[in-house]
Amino acid sequence: MPNFLYLRITKFLLIGFFALTSCKTLENLPGGNARENPPDPKARVKKNLEEGRGFRLDTAMLGGKGGDFMFASANEMWRASLDTLDFMPLSSVNYSGGIIITDWYSDGNSLDESVKISIRFLTNEVRSDALVIKVFYKKCNQVASCKISQKTGTLSAELKKKILSKATIYKKQNDDKNFKPYKGGSVDTTK
């Protein structure tokens, strides 16, 4: 038994000795000396790629440009819809999913009737077919008996008209703000 203990201790010491003698100093490690590496991360990436250390996935290799996310306030249809429905409490608003759902709303005149509106965006362009508006009505005779129905009628058409008119105004304002006249030389159009 003591021979087995000596064998284990000897094996541990040999492994420890080889592990300690194979270590390099920090100056010899790649990236270990701060004086030789640029502090700018982009310059470090460029240096590492030139030395053959690491790789980079270019967005052109992945089949197009990278993520191009437009903030919700830059989308005219989205802003116009939120401005139109600002009097109603919102239940769910998801810009990336393109949907706005209001909570049940009653104007206070008739407590047994409520309305709920759902707007789904099919495109970011200001067009009449870019929106799908659904209006749901809830009529309750008693607390426990409510009837919910979806109606297509004047309210959804009025909402769509109001949203499109506001979105058109927002788009014109945005285009006027971003307008940059051409300042190049004169172009001969007589040829």
Protein backbone atom coordinates (compact mmCIF):
# COMPACT_ATOMS: atom_id res chain seq x y z
CA MET A 1 0.00 0.00 0.00
CA PRO A 2 2.78 2.52 0.76
CA ASN A 3 4.26 1.84 -2.71
CA PHE A 4 0.95 2.83 -4.27
CA LEU A 5 0.95 6.11 -2.28
CA TYR A 6 4.52 6.89 -3.38
CA LEU A 7 3.59 6.16 -6.98
CA ARG A 8 0.65 8.59 -6.82
CA ILE A 9 2.76 11.34 -5.25
CA THR A 10 5.51 10.85 -7.85
CA LYS A 11 3.00 10.98 -10.70
CA PHE A 12 1.46 14.18 -9.26
CA LEU A 13 4.87 15.85 -8.91
CA LEU A 14 5.88 14.90 -12.48
CA ILE A 15 2.67 16.27 -13.95
CA GLY A 16 3.04 19.45 -11.88
CA PHE A 17 6.67 19.86 -12.96
CA PHE A 18 5.82 19.53 -16.67
CA ALA A 19 2.84 21.86 -16.30
CA LEU A 20 4.93 24.55 -14.63
CA THR A 21 7.87 24.34 -17.02
CA SER A 22 5.67 24.47 -20.12
CA CYS A 23 4.08 27.82 -19.15
CA LYS A 24 5.10 30.89 -21.10
CA THR A 25 5.48 34.35 -19.71
CA LEU A 26 2.76 36.89 -20.42
CA GLU A 27 5.04 38.79 -22.77
CA ASN A 28 5.34 35.75 -25.06
CA LEU A 29 1.60 35.08 -25.18
CA PRO A 30 -0.29 36.53 -28.12
CA GLY A 31 -2.22 39.54 -26.92
CA GLY A 32 -0.48 39.55 -23.55
CA ASN A 33 1.67 42.65 -24.02
CA ALA A 34 -0.50 45.79 -23.94
CA ARG A 35 2.24 47.96 -25.48
CA GLU A 36 2.26 45.94 -28.70
CA ASN A 37 -1.52 45.79 -29.14
CA PRO A 38 -3.59 48.79 -30.21
CA PRO A 39 -6.21 49.96 -27.69
CA ASP A 40 -8.90 50.40 -30.37
CA PRO A 41 -10.95 47.17 -30.75
CA LYS A 42 -11.38 47.63 -34.51
CA ALA A 43 -7.61 48.03 -34.94
CA ARG A 44 -7.02 44.89 -32.81
CA VAL A 45 -9.46 42.93 -34.96
CA LYS A 46 -7.74 44.16 -38.11
CA LYS A 47 -4.29 43.25 -36.72
CA ASN A 48 -5.46 39.79 -35.65
CA LEU A 49 -6.99 39.14 -39.08
CA GLU A 50 -3.77 40.26 -40.81
CA GLU A 51 -1.73 37.90 -38.60
CA GLY A 52 -4.09 35.03 -39.36
CA ARG A 53 -5.59 34.76 -35.89
CA GLY A 54 -9.38 34.57 -35.85
CA PHE A 55 -11.97 34.99 -38.57
CA ARG A 56 -14.73 37.37 -39.47
CA LEU A 57 -18.20 36.71 -40.88
CA ASP A 58 -18.94 39.38 -43.42
CA THR A 59 -22.58 40.27 -44.01
CA ALA A 60 -22.07 39.95 -47.77
CA MET A 61 -21.13 36.31 -47.21
CA LEU A 62 -24.37 35.77 -45.33
CA GLY A 63 -26.51 36.79 -48.29
CA GLY A 64 -27.14 40.49 -47.96
CA LYS A 65 -26.88 43.34 -45.60
CA GLY A 66 -27.12 42.92 -41.87
CA GLY A 67 -29.97 43.85 -39.62
CA ASP A 68 -31.53 47.12 -40.70
CA PHE A 69 -34.03 48.01 -38.02
CA MET A 70 -35.96 51.18 -38.42
CA PHE A 71 -37.07 52.74 -35.14
CA ALA A 72 -40.83 52.81 -34.68
CA SER A 73 -41.04 56.60 -34.63
CA ALA A 74 -39.61 56.72 -38.17
CA ASN A 75 -42.51 54.67 -39.56
CA GLU A 76 -45.30 57.02 -40.57
CA MET A 77 -48.06 54.38 -40.52
CA TRP A 78 -47.09 53.25 -37.02
CA ARG A 79 -47.00 56.80 -35.64
CA ALA A 80 -50.31 57.70 -37.28
CA SER A 81 -51.99 54.60 -35.85
CA LEU A 82 -50.78 55.29 -32.33
CA ASP A 83 -51.82 58.94 -32.60
CA THR A 84 -55.27 57.95 -33.84
CA LEU A 85 -55.79 55.45 -31.02
CA ASP A 86 -54.28 57.60 -28.27
CA PHE A 87 -57.63 57.90 -26.44
CA MET A 88 -57.89 54.11 -25.97
CA PRO A 89 -55.93 51.95 -23.52
CA LEU A 90 -53.52 49.65 -25.37
CA SER A 91 -53.40 45.97 -24.54
CA SER A 92 -50.59 44.81 -26.82
CA VAL A 93 -48.22 46.81 -29.01
CA ASN A 94 -45.56 44.95 -30.99
CA TYR A 95 -43.61 46.91 -33.59
CA SER A 96 -41.54 43.99 -34.80
CA GLY A 97 -44.68 41.87 -35.19
CA GLY A 98 -46.59 44.76 -36.74
CA ILE A 99 -49.68 44.68 -34.57
CA ILE A 100 -51.54 47.02 -32.22
CA ILE A 101 -54.36 45.69 -30.03
CA THR A 102 -56.36 47.97 -27.77
CA ASP A 103 -58.06 46.98 -24.57
CA TRP A 104 -61.86 47.04 -24.25
CA TYR A 105 -63.02 50.64 -24.30
CA SER A 106 -66.32 52.22 -23.38
CA ASP A 107 -67.03 55.93 -23.74
CA GLY A 108 -68.95 56.04 -20.47
CA ASN A 109 -72.40 56.66 -21.96
CA SER A 110 -73.33 52.99 -22.17
CA LEU A 111 -71.57 50.79 -19.65
CA ASP A 112 -72.84 47.55 -21.17
CA GLU A 113 -71.15 48.16 -24.57
CA SER A 114 -67.41 48.15 -25.29
CA VAL A 115 -65.20 48.21 -28.35
CA LYS A 116 -61.79 46.66 -29.04
CA ILE A 117 -59.63 47.45 -32.10
CA SER A 118 -56.89 45.41 -33.70
CA ILE A 119 -54.57 46.90 -36.35
CA ARG A 120 -52.18 44.69 -38.30
CA PHE A 121 -49.51 46.20 -40.56
CA LEU A 122 -48.78 44.38 -43.81
CA THR A 123 -46.17 46.85 -45.07
CA ASN A 124 -44.43 50.05 -43.98
CA GLU A 125 -45.57 51.94 -47.07
CA VAL A 126 -48.37 54.47 -46.84
CA ARG A 127 -51.05 52.62 -48.81
CA SER A 128 -54.66 51.72 -48.19
CA ASP A 129 -53.95 47.98 -48.36
CA ALA A 130 -51.12 48.24 -45.80
CA LEU A 131 -53.51 47.96 -42.85
CA VAL A 132 -55.98 45.35 -41.67
CA ILE A 133 -58.29 46.87 -39.07
CA LYS A 134 -60.67 44.68 -37.08
CA VAL A 135 -63.27 46.13 -34.73
CA PHE A 136 -64.83 43.95 -32.04
CA TYR A 137 -67.94 44.88 -30.09
CA LYS A 138 -68.86 43.51 -26.69
CA LYS A 139 -72.43 43.84 -25.41
CA CYS A 140 -73.23 42.65 -21.92
CA ASN A 141 -76.78 42.19 -20.63
CA GLN A 142 -75.57 41.06 -17.24
CA VAL A 143 -72.16 40.73 -15.65
CA ALA A 144 -71.75 37.09 -16.67
CA SER A 145 -73.40 37.14 -20.10
CA CYS A 146 -71.49 39.08 -22.73
CA LYS A 147 -71.65 38.70 -26.48
CA ILE A 148 -68.59 39.58 -28.57
CA SER A 149 -68.90 40.14 -32.31
CA GLN A 150 -66.67 41.43 -35.07
CA LYS A 151 -68.20 44.02 -37.35
CA THR A 152 -66.85 45.54 -40.50
CA GLY A 153 -68.42 48.87 -41.05
CA THR A 154 -68.04 52.57 -40.77
CA LEU A 155 -65.74 52.62 -37.73
CA SER A 156 -62.98 50.57 -39.37
CA ALA A 157 -63.28 52.61 -42.59
CA GLU A 158 -63.12 55.89 -40.64
CA LEU A 159 -60.10 54.68 -38.68
CA LYS A 160 -58.29 53.62 -41.84
CA LYS A 161 -59.04 56.98 -43.50
CA LYS A 162 -57.82 58.94 -40.47
CA ILE A 163 -54.65 56.83 -40.11
CA LEU A 164 -53.80 57.15 -43.81
CA SER A 165 -54.33 60.91 -43.83
CA LYS A 166 -52.08 61.37 -40.76
CA ALA A 167 -49.46 59.02 -42.22
CA THR A 168 -49.45 61.04 -45.46
CA ILE A 169 -48.86 64.24 -43.49
CA TYR A 170 -46.03 62.59 -41.49
CA LYS A 171 -44.43 61.25 -44.68
CA LYS A 172 -44.54 64.68 -46.34
CA GLN A 173 -43.00 66.28 -43.25
CA ASN A 174 -40.29 63.62 -43.18
CA ASP A 175 -39.57 64.01 -46.91
CA ASP A 176 -39.39 67.82 -46.59
CA LYS A 177 -37.01 67.50 -43.65
CA ASN A 178 -34.72 65.07 -45.50
CA PHE A 179 -34.83 66.90 -48.85
CA LYS A 180 -31.36 67.74 -50.16
CA PRO A 181 -31.17 69.58 -53.49
CA TYR A 182 -28.65 68.46 -56.07
CA LYS A 183 -25.59 70.71 -55.92
CA GLY A 184 -23.69 69.23 -58.84
CA GLY A 185 -22.70 70.87 -62.11
CA SER A 186 -25.11 71.72 -64.83
CA VAL A 187 -26.38 68.90 -67.00
CA ASP A 188 -26.82 69.38 -70.75
CA THR A 189 -30.23 67.91 -71.64
CA THR A 190 -30.30 69.12 -75.24
CA LYS A 191 -28.52 66.05 -76.62
